[in-house]
């Protein structure tokens, strides 16, 4: 079964308040088996547009990635993020040849 991934790009306007979102997302991430593969760090953007922070999160399956996003706990975390950051997120199924 292919893994699932969140690929996110984020601009944070108020990092102190954003920490509340980070604290709130820890529980659903643990519950759905999330593992951070990329969490900010150095990057370059040779094509297209970008945001200041990039994140890639791996889940045991595509369904787990979807279930985490739509869980009540994560939806509550989003409310803490929405006023202090702008983000783009895709949920994608991994390649399993």
PDB file of N, CA and C in Angstrom:
ATOM      1  N   UNK A   1       0.846  -1.179   0.000  1.00  0.00           N
ATOM      2  CA  UNK A   1       0.000   0.000   0.000  1.00  0.00           C
ATOM      3  C   UNK A   1       0.894   1.246   0.000  1.00  0.00           C
ATOM      4  N   UNK A   2       0.662   2.184  -0.918  1.00  0.00           N
ATOM      5  CA  UNK A   2       1.476   3.402  -0.966  1.00  0.00           C
ATOM      6  C   UNK A   2       1.256   4.287   0.263  1.00  0.00           C
ATOM      7  N   UNK A   3       2.304   4.979   0.638  1.00  0.00           N
ATOM      8  CA  UNK A   3       2.204   5.942   1.735  1.00  0.00           C
ATOM      9  C   UNK A   3       1.494   7.186   1.236  1.00  0.00           C
ATOM     10  N   UNK A   4       1.088   8.022   2.176  1.00  0.00           N
ATOM     11  CA  UNK A   4       0.474   9.300   1.850  1.00  0.00           C
ATOM     12  C   UNK A   4       1.365  10.423   2.340  1.00  0.00           C
ATOM     13  N   UNK A   5       1.249  11.566   1.685  1.00  0.00           N
ATOM     14  CA  UNK A   5       2.098  12.712   2.020  1.00  0.00           C
ATOM     15  C   UNK A   5       1.299  13.999   2.031  1.00  0.00           C
ATOM     16  N   UNK A   6       1.673  14.873   2.938  1.00  0.00           N
ATOM     17  CA  UNK A   6       1.234  16.263   2.872  1.00  0.00           C
ATOM     18  C   UNK A   6       2.430  17.044   2.358  1.00  0.00           C
ATOM     19  N   UNK A   7       2.197  17.886   1.381  1.00  0.00           N
ATOM     20  CA  UNK A   7       3.213  18.810   0.907  1.00  0.00           C
ATOM     21  C   UNK A   7       2.648  20.204   1.121  1.00  0.00           C
ATOM     22  N   UNK A   8       3.311  20.956   1.987  1.00  0.00           N
ATOM     23  CA  UNK A   8       2.792  22.271   2.370  1.00  0.00           C
ATOM     24  C   UNK A   8       3.846  23.346   2.163  1.00  0.00           C
ATOM     25  N   UNK A   9       3.357  24.530   1.819  1.00  0.00           N
ATOM     26  CA  UNK A   9       4.182  25.733   1.723  1.00  0.00           C
ATOM     27  C   UNK A   9       3.496  26.775   2.590  1.00  0.00           C
ATOM     28  N   UNK A  10       4.259  27.450   3.431  1.00  0.00           N
ATOM     29  CA  UNK A  10       3.653  28.325   4.441  1.00  0.00           C
ATOM     30  C   UNK A  10       4.414  29.643   4.555  1.00  0.00           C
ATOM     31  N   UNK A  11       3.670  30.730   4.678  1.00  0.00           N
ATOM     32  CA  UNK A  11       4.216  32.023   5.089  1.00  0.00           C
ATOM     33  C   UNK A  11       3.631  32.317   6.466  1.00  0.00           C
ATOM     34  N   UNK A  12       4.498  32.539   7.424  1.00  0.00           N
ATOM     35  CA  UNK A  12       4.058  32.789   8.806  1.00  0.00           C
ATOM     36  C   UNK A  12       4.189  34.270   9.106  1.00  0.00           C
ATOM     37  N   UNK A  13       3.095  34.881   9.556  1.00  0.00           N
ATOM     38  CA  UNK A  13       3.082  36.303   9.896  1.00  0.00           C
ATOM     39  C   UNK A  13       3.404  36.557  11.366  1.00  0.00           C
ATOM     40  N   UNK A  14       3.061  35.605  12.235  1.00  0.00           N
ATOM     41  CA  UNK A  14       3.263  35.769  13.681  1.00  0.00           C
ATOM     42  C   UNK A  14       3.700  34.419  14.244  1.00  0.00           C
ATOM     43  N   UNK A  15       5.032  34.222  14.324  1.00  0.00           N
ATOM     44  CA  UNK A  15       5.536  32.912  14.733  1.00  0.00           C
ATOM     45  C   UNK A  15       5.161  32.573  16.167  1.00  0.00           C
ATOM     46  N   UNK A  16       5.103  33.543  17.052  1.00  0.00           N
ATOM     47  CA  UNK A  16       4.729  33.253  18.449  1.00  0.00           C
ATOM     48  C   UNK A  16       3.325  32.653  18.510  1.00  0.00           C
ATOM     49  N   UNK A  17       2.382  33.208  17.773  1.00  0.00           N
ATOM     50  CA  UNK A  17       1.028  32.657  17.737  1.00  0.00           C
ATOM     51  C   UNK A  17       0.976  31.341  16.965  1.00  0.00           C
ATOM     52  N   UNK A  18       1.826  31.204  15.952  1.00  0.00           N
ATOM     53  CA  UNK A  18       1.889  29.976  15.156  1.00  0.00           C
ATOM     54  C   UNK A  18       2.286  28.776  16.018  1.00  0.00           C
ATOM     55  N   UNK A  19       3.033  29.039  17.089  1.00  0.00           N
ATOM     56  CA  UNK A  19       3.424  27.965  18.005  1.00  0.00           C
ATOM     57  C   UNK A  19       2.200  27.271  18.608  1.00  0.00           C
ATOM     58  N   UNK A  20       1.084  27.985  18.756  1.00  0.00           N
ATOM     59  CA  UNK A  20      -0.144  27.361  19.251  1.00  0.00           C
ATOM     60  C   UNK A  20      -0.657  26.310  18.269  1.00  0.00           C
ATOM     61  N   UNK A  21      -0.541  26.601  16.980  1.00  0.00           N
ATOM     62  CA  UNK A  21      -0.919  25.638  15.946  1.00  0.00           C
ATOM     63  C   UNK A  21       0.000  24.417  16.010  1.00  0.00           C
ATOM     64  N   UNK A  22       1.292  24.645  16.156  1.00  0.00           N
ATOM     65  CA  UNK A  22       2.251  23.537  16.240  1.00  0.00           C
ATOM     66  C   UNK A  22       1.908  22.625  17.416  1.00  0.00           C
ATOM     67  N   UNK A  23       1.601  23.211  18.556  1.00  0.00           N
ATOM     68  CA  UNK A  23       1.243  22.416  19.731  1.00  0.00           C
ATOM     69  C   UNK A  23      -0.055  21.632  19.499  1.00  0.00           C
ATOM     70  N   UNK A  24      -1.014  22.263  18.841  1.00  0.00           N
ATOM     71  CA  UNK A  24      -2.313  21.616  18.625  1.00  0.00           C
ATOM     72  C   UNK A  24      -2.256  20.511  17.580  1.00  0.00           C
ATOM     73  N   UNK A  25      -1.340  20.595  16.616  1.00  0.00           N
ATOM     74  CA  UNK A  25      -1.310  19.561  15.582  1.00  0.00           C
ATOM     75  C   UNK A  25      -0.538  18.319  16.022  1.00  0.00           C
ATOM     76  N   UNK A  26       0.172  18.389  17.127  1.00  0.00           N
ATOM     77  CA  UNK A  26       0.977  17.244  17.588  1.00  0.00           C
ATOM     78  C   UNK A  26       0.118  16.006  17.849  1.00  0.00           C
ATOM     79  N   UNK A  27      -1.035  16.175  18.454  1.00  0.00           N
ATOM     80  CA  UNK A  27      -1.883  15.018  18.781  1.00  0.00           C
ATOM     81  C   UNK A  27      -2.404  14.322  17.522  1.00  0.00           C
ATOM     82  N   UNK A  28      -3.040  15.035  16.583  1.00  0.00           N
ATOM     83  CA  UNK A  28      -3.501  14.311  15.395  1.00  0.00           C
ATOM     84  C   UNK A  28      -2.345  13.739  14.568  1.00  0.00           C
ATOM     85  N   UNK A  29      -1.215  14.418  14.518  1.00  0.00           N
ATOM     86  CA  UNK A  29      -0.080  13.869  13.779  1.00  0.00           C
ATOM     87  C   UNK A  29       0.374  12.548  14.402  1.00  0.00           C
ATOM     88  N   UNK A  30       0.450  12.487  15.718  1.00  0.00           N
ATOM     89  CA  UNK A  30       0.841  11.242  16.394  1.00  0.00           C
ATOM     90  C   UNK A  30      -0.216  10.157  16.164  1.00  0.00           C
ATOM     91  N   UNK A  31      -1.473  10.533  16.271  1.00  0.00           N
ATOM     92  CA  UNK A  31      -2.568   9.567  16.117  1.00  0.00           C
ATOM     93  C   UNK A  31      -2.586   8.927  14.728  1.00  0.00           C
ATOM     94  N   UNK A  32      -2.247   9.685  13.700  1.00  0.00           N
ATOM     95  CA  UNK A  32      -2.316   9.173  12.330  1.00  0.00           C
ATOM     96  C   UNK A  32      -0.949   8.776  11.766  1.00  0.00           C
ATOM     97  N   UNK A  33       0.070   8.703  12.625  1.00  0.00           N
ATOM     98  CA  UNK A  33       1.370   8.176  12.215  1.00  0.00           C
ATOM     99  C   UNK A  33       2.210   9.096  11.350  1.00  0.00           C
ATOM    100  N   UNK A  34       2.072  10.396  11.526  1.00  0.00           N
ATOM    101  CA  UNK A  34       2.810  11.371  10.707  1.00  0.00           C
ATOM    102  C   UNK A  34       4.291  11.405  11.076  1.00  0.00           C
ATOM    103  N   UNK A  35       5.128  11.536  10.054  1.00  0.00           N
ATOM    104  CA  UNK A  35       6.568  11.709  10.223  1.00  0.00           C
ATOM    105  C   UNK A  35       7.014  12.870   9.347  1.00  0.00           C
ATOM    106  N   UNK A  36       7.679  13.844   9.952  1.00  0.00           N
ATOM    107  CA  UNK A  36       8.186  14.975   9.178  1.00  0.00           C
ATOM    108  C   UNK A  36       9.410  14.538   8.384  1.00  0.00           C
ATOM    109  N   UNK A  37       9.377  14.741   7.084  1.00  0.00           N
ATOM    110  CA  UNK A  37      10.530  14.498   6.224  1.00  0.00           C
ATOM    111  C   UNK A  37      11.242  15.811   5.917  1.00  0.00           C
ATOM    112  N   UNK A  38      10.467  16.874   5.807  1.00  0.00           N
ATOM    113  CA  UNK A  38      10.996  18.221   5.579  1.00  0.00           C
ATOM    114  C   UNK A  38      10.224  19.146   6.515  1.00  0.00           C
ATOM    115  N   UNK A  39      10.957  19.970   7.234  1.00  0.00           N
ATOM    116  CA  UNK A  39      10.312  20.931   8.143  1.00  0.00           C
ATOM    117  C   UNK A  39      11.136  22.211   8.119  1.00  0.00           C
ATOM    118  N   UNK A  40      10.770  23.085   7.175  1.00  0.00           N
ATOM    119  CA  UNK A  40      11.497  24.343   6.946  1.00  0.00           C
ATOM    120  C   UNK A  40      12.862  24.017   6.355  1.00  0.00           C
ATOM    121  N   UNK A  41      13.911  24.663   6.789  1.00  0.00           N
ATOM    122  CA  UNK A  41      15.240  24.393   6.267  1.00  0.00           C
ATOM    123  C   UNK A  41      15.550  25.182   5.002  1.00  0.00           C
ATOM    124  N   UNK A  42      16.764  25.043   4.584  1.00  0.00           N
ATOM    125  CA  UNK A  42      17.274  25.761   3.416  1.00  0.00           C
ATOM    126  C   UNK A  42      16.602  25.245   2.148  1.00  0.00           C
ATOM    127  N   UNK A  43      16.304  26.152   1.221  1.00  0.00           N
ATOM    128  CA  UNK A  43      15.742  25.745  -0.069  1.00  0.00           C
ATOM    129  C   UNK A  43      16.041  26.802  -1.114  1.00  0.00           C
ATOM    130  N   UNK A  44      15.882  26.419  -2.358  1.00  0.00           N
ATOM    131  CA  UNK A  44      15.910  27.388  -3.452  1.00  0.00           C
ATOM    132  C   UNK A  44      14.690  27.126  -4.312  1.00  0.00           C
ATOM    133  N   UNK A  45      14.283  28.121  -5.056  1.00  0.00           N
ATOM    134  CA  UNK A  45      13.067  28.047  -5.855  1.00  0.00           C
ATOM    135  C   UNK A  45      13.388  28.432  -7.301  1.00  0.00           C
ATOM    136  N   UNK A  46      13.977  27.499  -8.080  1.00  0.00           N
ATOM    137  CA  UNK A  46      14.399  27.845  -9.427  1.00  0.00           C
ATOM    138  C   UNK A  46      13.260  28.049 -10.424  1.00  0.00           C
ATOM    139  N   UNK A  47      12.062  27.593 -10.094  1.00  0.00           N
ATOM    140  CA  UNK A  47      10.921  27.777 -10.993  1.00  0.00           C
ATOM    141  C   UNK A  47       9.658  28.024 -10.181  1.00  0.00           C
ATOM    142  N   UNK A  48       8.721  28.749 -10.745  1.00  0.00           N
ATOM    143  CA  UNK A  48       7.423  28.963 -10.114  1.00  0.00           C
ATOM    144  C   UNK A  48       7.479  29.889  -8.924  1.00  0.00           C
ATOM    145  N   UNK A  49       6.522  29.722  -8.029  1.00  0.00           N
ATOM    146  CA  UNK A  49       6.422  30.569  -6.838  1.00  0.00           C
ATOM    147  C   UNK A  49       6.762  29.753  -5.600  1.00  0.00           C
ATOM    148  N   UNK A  50       6.975  30.448  -4.505  1.00  0.00           N
ATOM    149  CA  UNK A  50       7.281  29.748  -3.258  1.00  0.00           C
ATOM    150  C   UNK A  50       6.710  30.523  -2.077  1.00  0.00           C
ATOM    151  N   UNK A  51       6.802  29.899  -0.945  1.00  0.00           N
ATOM    152  CA  UNK A  51       6.525  30.541   0.340  1.00  0.00           C
ATOM    153  C   UNK A  51       7.786  30.371   1.179  1.00  0.00           C
ATOM    154  N   UNK A  52       7.807  30.966   2.344  1.00  0.00           N
ATOM    155  CA  UNK A  52       9.039  30.998   3.137  1.00  0.00           C
ATOM    156  C   UNK A  52       9.346  29.688   3.864  1.00  0.00           C
ATOM    157  N   UNK A  53       8.370  28.817   4.005  1.00  0.00           N
ATOM    158  CA  UNK A  53       8.565  27.572   4.758  1.00  0.00           C
ATOM    159  C   UNK A  53       7.967  26.420   3.960  1.00  0.00           C
ATOM    160  N   UNK A  54       8.702  25.321   3.845  1.00  0.00           N
ATOM    161  CA  UNK A  54       8.234  24.131   3.137  1.00  0.00           C
ATOM    162  C   UNK A  54       8.206  22.956   4.103  1.00  0.00           C
ATOM    163  N   UNK A  55       7.171  22.126   3.971  1.00  0.00           N
ATOM    164  CA  UNK A  55       6.989  20.991   4.863  1.00  0.00           C
ATOM    165  C   UNK A  55       6.533  19.789   4.043  1.00  0.00           C
ATOM    166  N   UNK A  56       7.126  18.632   4.316  1.00  0.00           N
ATOM    167  CA  UNK A  56       6.663  17.371   3.746  1.00  0.00           C
ATOM    168  C   UNK A  56       6.469  16.411   4.913  1.00  0.00           C
ATOM    169  N   UNK A  57       5.253  15.880   5.028  1.00  0.00           N
ATOM    170  CA  UNK A  57       4.918  14.965   6.115  1.00  0.00           C
ATOM    171  C   UNK A  57       4.484  13.641   5.503  1.00  0.00           C
ATOM    172  N   UNK A  58       5.076  12.550   5.987  1.00  0.00           N
ATOM    173  CA  UNK A  58       4.750  11.216   5.502  1.00  0.00           C
ATOM    174  C   UNK A  58       3.764  10.535   6.455  1.00  0.00           C
ATOM    175  N   UNK A  59       2.797   9.840   5.881  1.00  0.00           N
ATOM    176  CA  UNK A  59       1.821   9.061   6.638  1.00  0.00           C
ATOM    177  C   UNK A  59       1.896   7.608   6.178  1.00  0.00           C
ATOM    178  N   UNK A  60       1.448   6.668   6.995  1.00  0.00           N
ATOM    179  CA  UNK A  60       1.519   5.259   6.614  1.00  0.00           C
ATOM    180  C   UNK A  60       0.722   4.921   5.345  1.00  0.00           C
ATOM    181  N   UNK A  61      -0.277   5.737   5.038  1.00  0.00           N
ATOM    182  CA  UNK A  61      -1.104   5.500   3.844  1.00  0.00           C
ATOM    183  C   UNK A  61      -1.740   6.817   3.402  1.00  0.00           C
ATOM    184  N   UNK A  62      -2.213   6.820   2.175  1.00  0.00           N
ATOM    185  CA  UNK A  62      -2.937   7.977   1.661  1.00  0.00           C
ATOM    186  C   UNK A  62      -4.183   8.228   2.514  1.00  0.00           C
ATOM    187  N   UNK A  63      -4.875   7.145   2.887  1.00  0.00           N
ATOM    188  CA  UNK A  63      -6.089   7.288   3.701  1.00  0.00           C
ATOM    189  C   UNK A  63      -5.769   7.917   5.053  1.00  0.00           C
ATOM    190  N   UNK A  64      -4.654   7.508   5.679  1.00  0.00           N
ATOM    191  CA  UNK A  64      -4.260   8.109   6.966  1.00  0.00           C
ATOM    192  C   UNK A  64      -3.982   9.596   6.803  1.00  0.00           C
ATOM    193  N   UNK A  65      -3.359   9.977   5.681  1.00  0.00           N
ATOM    194  CA  UNK A  65      -3.078  11.397   5.421  1.00  0.00           C
ATOM    195  C   UNK A  65      -4.385  12.181   5.312  1.00  0.00           C
ATOM    196  N   UNK A  66      -5.358  11.615   4.613  1.00  0.00           N
ATOM    197  CA  UNK A  66      -6.667  12.274   4.468  1.00  0.00           C
ATOM    198  C   UNK A  66      -7.396  12.314   5.809  1.00  0.00           C
ATOM    199  N   UNK A  67      -7.394  11.193   6.507  1.00  0.00           N
ATOM    200  CA  UNK A  67      -8.104  11.124   7.784  1.00  0.00           C
ATOM    201  C   UNK A  67      -7.543  12.118   8.793  1.00  0.00           C
ATOM    202  N   UNK A  68      -6.237  12.291   8.803  1.00  0.00           N
ATOM    203  CA  UNK A  68      -5.633  13.264   9.711  1.00  0.00           C
ATOM    204  C   UNK A  68      -6.143  14.665   9.390  1.00  0.00           C
ATOM    205  N   UNK A  69      -6.087  15.030   8.120  1.00  0.00           N
ATOM    206  CA  UNK A  69      -6.515  16.383   7.741  1.00  0.00           C
ATOM    207  C   UNK A  69      -7.957  16.649   8.145  1.00  0.00           C
ATOM    208  N   UNK A  70      -8.830  15.703   7.911  1.00  0.00           N
ATOM    209  CA  UNK A  70     -10.255  15.904   8.170  1.00  0.00           C
ATOM    210  C   UNK A  70     -10.683  15.576   9.599  1.00  0.00           C
ATOM    211  N   UNK A  71      -9.719  15.172  10.450  1.00  0.00           N
ATOM    212  CA  UNK A  71     -10.055  14.861  11.843  1.00  0.00           C
ATOM    213  C   UNK A  71     -10.478  16.134  12.585  1.00  0.00           C
ATOM    214  N   UNK A  72     -11.310  15.951  13.588  1.00  0.00           N
ATOM    215  CA  UNK A  72     -11.761  17.086  14.403  1.00  0.00           C
ATOM    216  C   UNK A  72     -10.577  17.813  15.041  1.00  0.00           C
ATOM    217  N   UNK A  73      -9.584  17.039  15.507  1.00  0.00           N
ATOM    218  CA  UNK A  73      -8.434  17.651  16.174  1.00  0.00           C
ATOM    219  C   UNK A  73      -7.636  18.534  15.210  1.00  0.00           C
ATOM    220  N   UNK A  74      -7.416  18.058  13.984  1.00  0.00           N
ATOM    221  CA  UNK A  74      -6.648  18.876  13.051  1.00  0.00           C
ATOM    222  C   UNK A  74      -7.456  20.073  12.566  1.00  0.00           C
ATOM    223  N   UNK A  75      -8.737  19.896  12.379  1.00  0.00           N
ATOM    224  CA  UNK A  75      -9.574  21.029  11.979  1.00  0.00           C
ATOM    225  C   UNK A  75      -9.549  22.125  13.051  1.00  0.00           C
ATOM    226  N   UNK A  76      -9.485  21.727  14.313  1.00  0.00           N
ATOM    227  CA  UNK A  76      -9.355  22.716  15.397  1.00  0.00           C
ATOM    228  C   UNK A  76      -7.997  23.413  15.323  1.00  0.00           C
ATOM    229  N   UNK A  77      -6.949  22.666  14.985  1.00  0.00           N
ATOM    230  CA  UNK A  77      -5.610  23.258  14.860  1.00  0.00           C
ATOM    231  C   UNK A  77      -5.578  24.283  13.732  1.00  0.00           C
ATOM    232  N   UNK A  78      -6.248  23.992  12.629  1.00  0.00           N
ATOM    233  CA  UNK A  78      -6.279  24.923  11.494  1.00  0.00           C
ATOM    234  C   UNK A  78      -6.797  26.293  11.929  1.00  0.00           C
ATOM    235  N   UNK A  79      -7.779  26.299  12.801  1.00  0.00           N
ATOM    236  CA  UNK A  79      -8.339  27.574  13.273  1.00  0.00           C
ATOM    237  C   UNK A  79      -7.295  28.418  13.984  1.00  0.00           C
ATOM    238  N   UNK A  80      -6.330  27.770  14.631  1.00  0.00           N
ATOM    239  CA  UNK A  80      -5.256  28.499  15.314  1.00  0.00           C
ATOM    240  C   UNK A  80      -4.246  29.059  14.320  1.00  0.00           C
ATOM    241  N   UNK A  81      -4.158  28.449  13.149  1.00  0.00           N
ATOM    242  CA  UNK A  81      -3.204  28.864  12.125  1.00  0.00           C
ATOM    243  C   UNK A  81      -3.753  29.936  11.190  1.00  0.00           C
ATOM    244  N   UNK A  82      -5.035  29.910  10.944  1.00  0.00           N
ATOM    245  CA  UNK A  82      -5.614  30.686   9.842  1.00  0.00           C
ATOM    246  C   UNK A  82      -5.384  32.191   9.927  1.00  0.00           C
ATOM    247  N   UNK A  83      -5.311  32.759  11.104  1.00  0.00           N
ATOM    248  CA  UNK A  83      -5.115  34.208  11.229  1.00  0.00           C
ATOM    249  C   UNK A  83      -3.645  34.628  11.262  1.00  0.00           C
ATOM    250  N   UNK A  84      -2.739  33.654  11.406  1.00  0.00           N
ATOM    251  CA  UNK A  84      -1.327  34.014  11.577  1.00  0.00           C
ATOM    252  C   UNK A  84      -0.418  33.458  10.482  1.00  0.00           C
ATOM    253  N   UNK A  85      -0.995  32.722   9.522  1.00  0.00           N
ATOM    254  CA  UNK A  85      -0.175  32.152   8.450  1.00  0.00           C
ATOM    255  C   UNK A  85      -1.027  31.911   7.208  1.00  0.00           C
ATOM    256  N   UNK A  86      -0.365  31.904   6.073  1.00  0.00           N
ATOM    257  CA  UNK A  86      -0.999  31.578   4.795  1.00  0.00           C
ATOM    258  C   UNK A  86      -0.323  30.317   4.288  1.00  0.00           C
ATOM    259  N   UNK A  87      -1.127  29.339   3.873  1.00  0.00           N
ATOM    260  CA  UNK A  87      -0.500  28.088   3.447  1.00  0.00           C
ATOM    261  C   UNK A  87      -1.191  27.489   2.234  1.00  0.00           C
ATOM    262  N   UNK A  88      -0.430  26.663   1.538  1.00  0.00           N
ATOM    263  CA  UNK A  88      -0.926  25.829   0.452  1.00  0.00           C
ATOM    264  C   UNK A  88      -0.627  24.399   0.879  1.00  0.00           C
ATOM    265  N   UNK A  89      -1.574  23.493   0.684  1.00  0.00           N
ATOM    266  CA  UNK A  89      -1.375  22.110   1.101  1.00  0.00           C
ATOM    267  C   UNK A  89      -1.962  21.183   0.052  1.00  0.00           C
ATOM    268  N   UNK A  90      -1.212  20.150  -0.300  1.00  0.00           N
ATOM    269  CA  UNK A  90      -1.745  19.075  -1.123  1.00  0.00           C
ATOM    270  C   UNK A  90      -1.545  17.773  -0.344  1.00  0.00           C
ATOM    271  N   UNK A  91      -2.488  16.874  -0.490  1.00  0.00           N
ATOM    272  CA  UNK A  91      -2.379  15.526   0.056  1.00  0.00           C
ATOM    273  C   UNK A  91      -2.214  14.624  -1.154  1.00  0.00           C
ATOM    274  N   UNK A  92      -1.129  13.852  -1.165  1.00  0.00           N
ATOM    275  CA  UNK A  92      -0.801  13.074  -2.352  1.00  0.00           C
ATOM    276  C   UNK A  92      -0.450  11.632  -1.966  1.00  0.00           C
ATOM    277  N   UNK A  93      -0.825  10.733  -2.833  1.00  0.00           N
ATOM    278  CA  UNK A  93      -0.467   9.324  -2.655  1.00  0.00           C
ATOM    279  C   UNK A  93       0.955   9.092  -3.160  1.00  0.00           C
ATOM    280  N   UNK A  94       1.737   8.368  -2.402  1.00  0.00           N
ATOM    281  CA  UNK A  94       3.107   8.072  -2.798  1.00  0.00           C
ATOM    282  C   UNK A  94       3.173   7.087  -3.945  1.00  0.00           C
ATOM    283  N   UNK A  95       4.316   7.007  -4.553  1.00  0.00           N
ATOM    284  CA  UNK A  95       4.549   6.097  -5.686  1.00  0.00           C
ATOM    285  C   UNK A  95       4.956   4.734  -5.145  1.00  0.00           C
ATOM    286  N   UNK A  96       4.291   3.702  -5.598  1.00  0.00           N
ATOM    287  CA  UNK A  96       4.589   2.329  -5.178  1.00  0.00           C
ATOM    288  C   UNK A  96       4.609   1.465  -6.436  1.00  0.00           C
ATOM    289  N   UNK A  97       5.800   1.315  -7.044  1.00  0.00           N
ATOM    290  CA  UNK A  97       5.877   0.620  -8.340  1.00  0.00           C
ATOM    291  C   UNK A  97       5.411  -0.832  -8.316  1.00  0.00           C
TER     292      UNK A  97
END
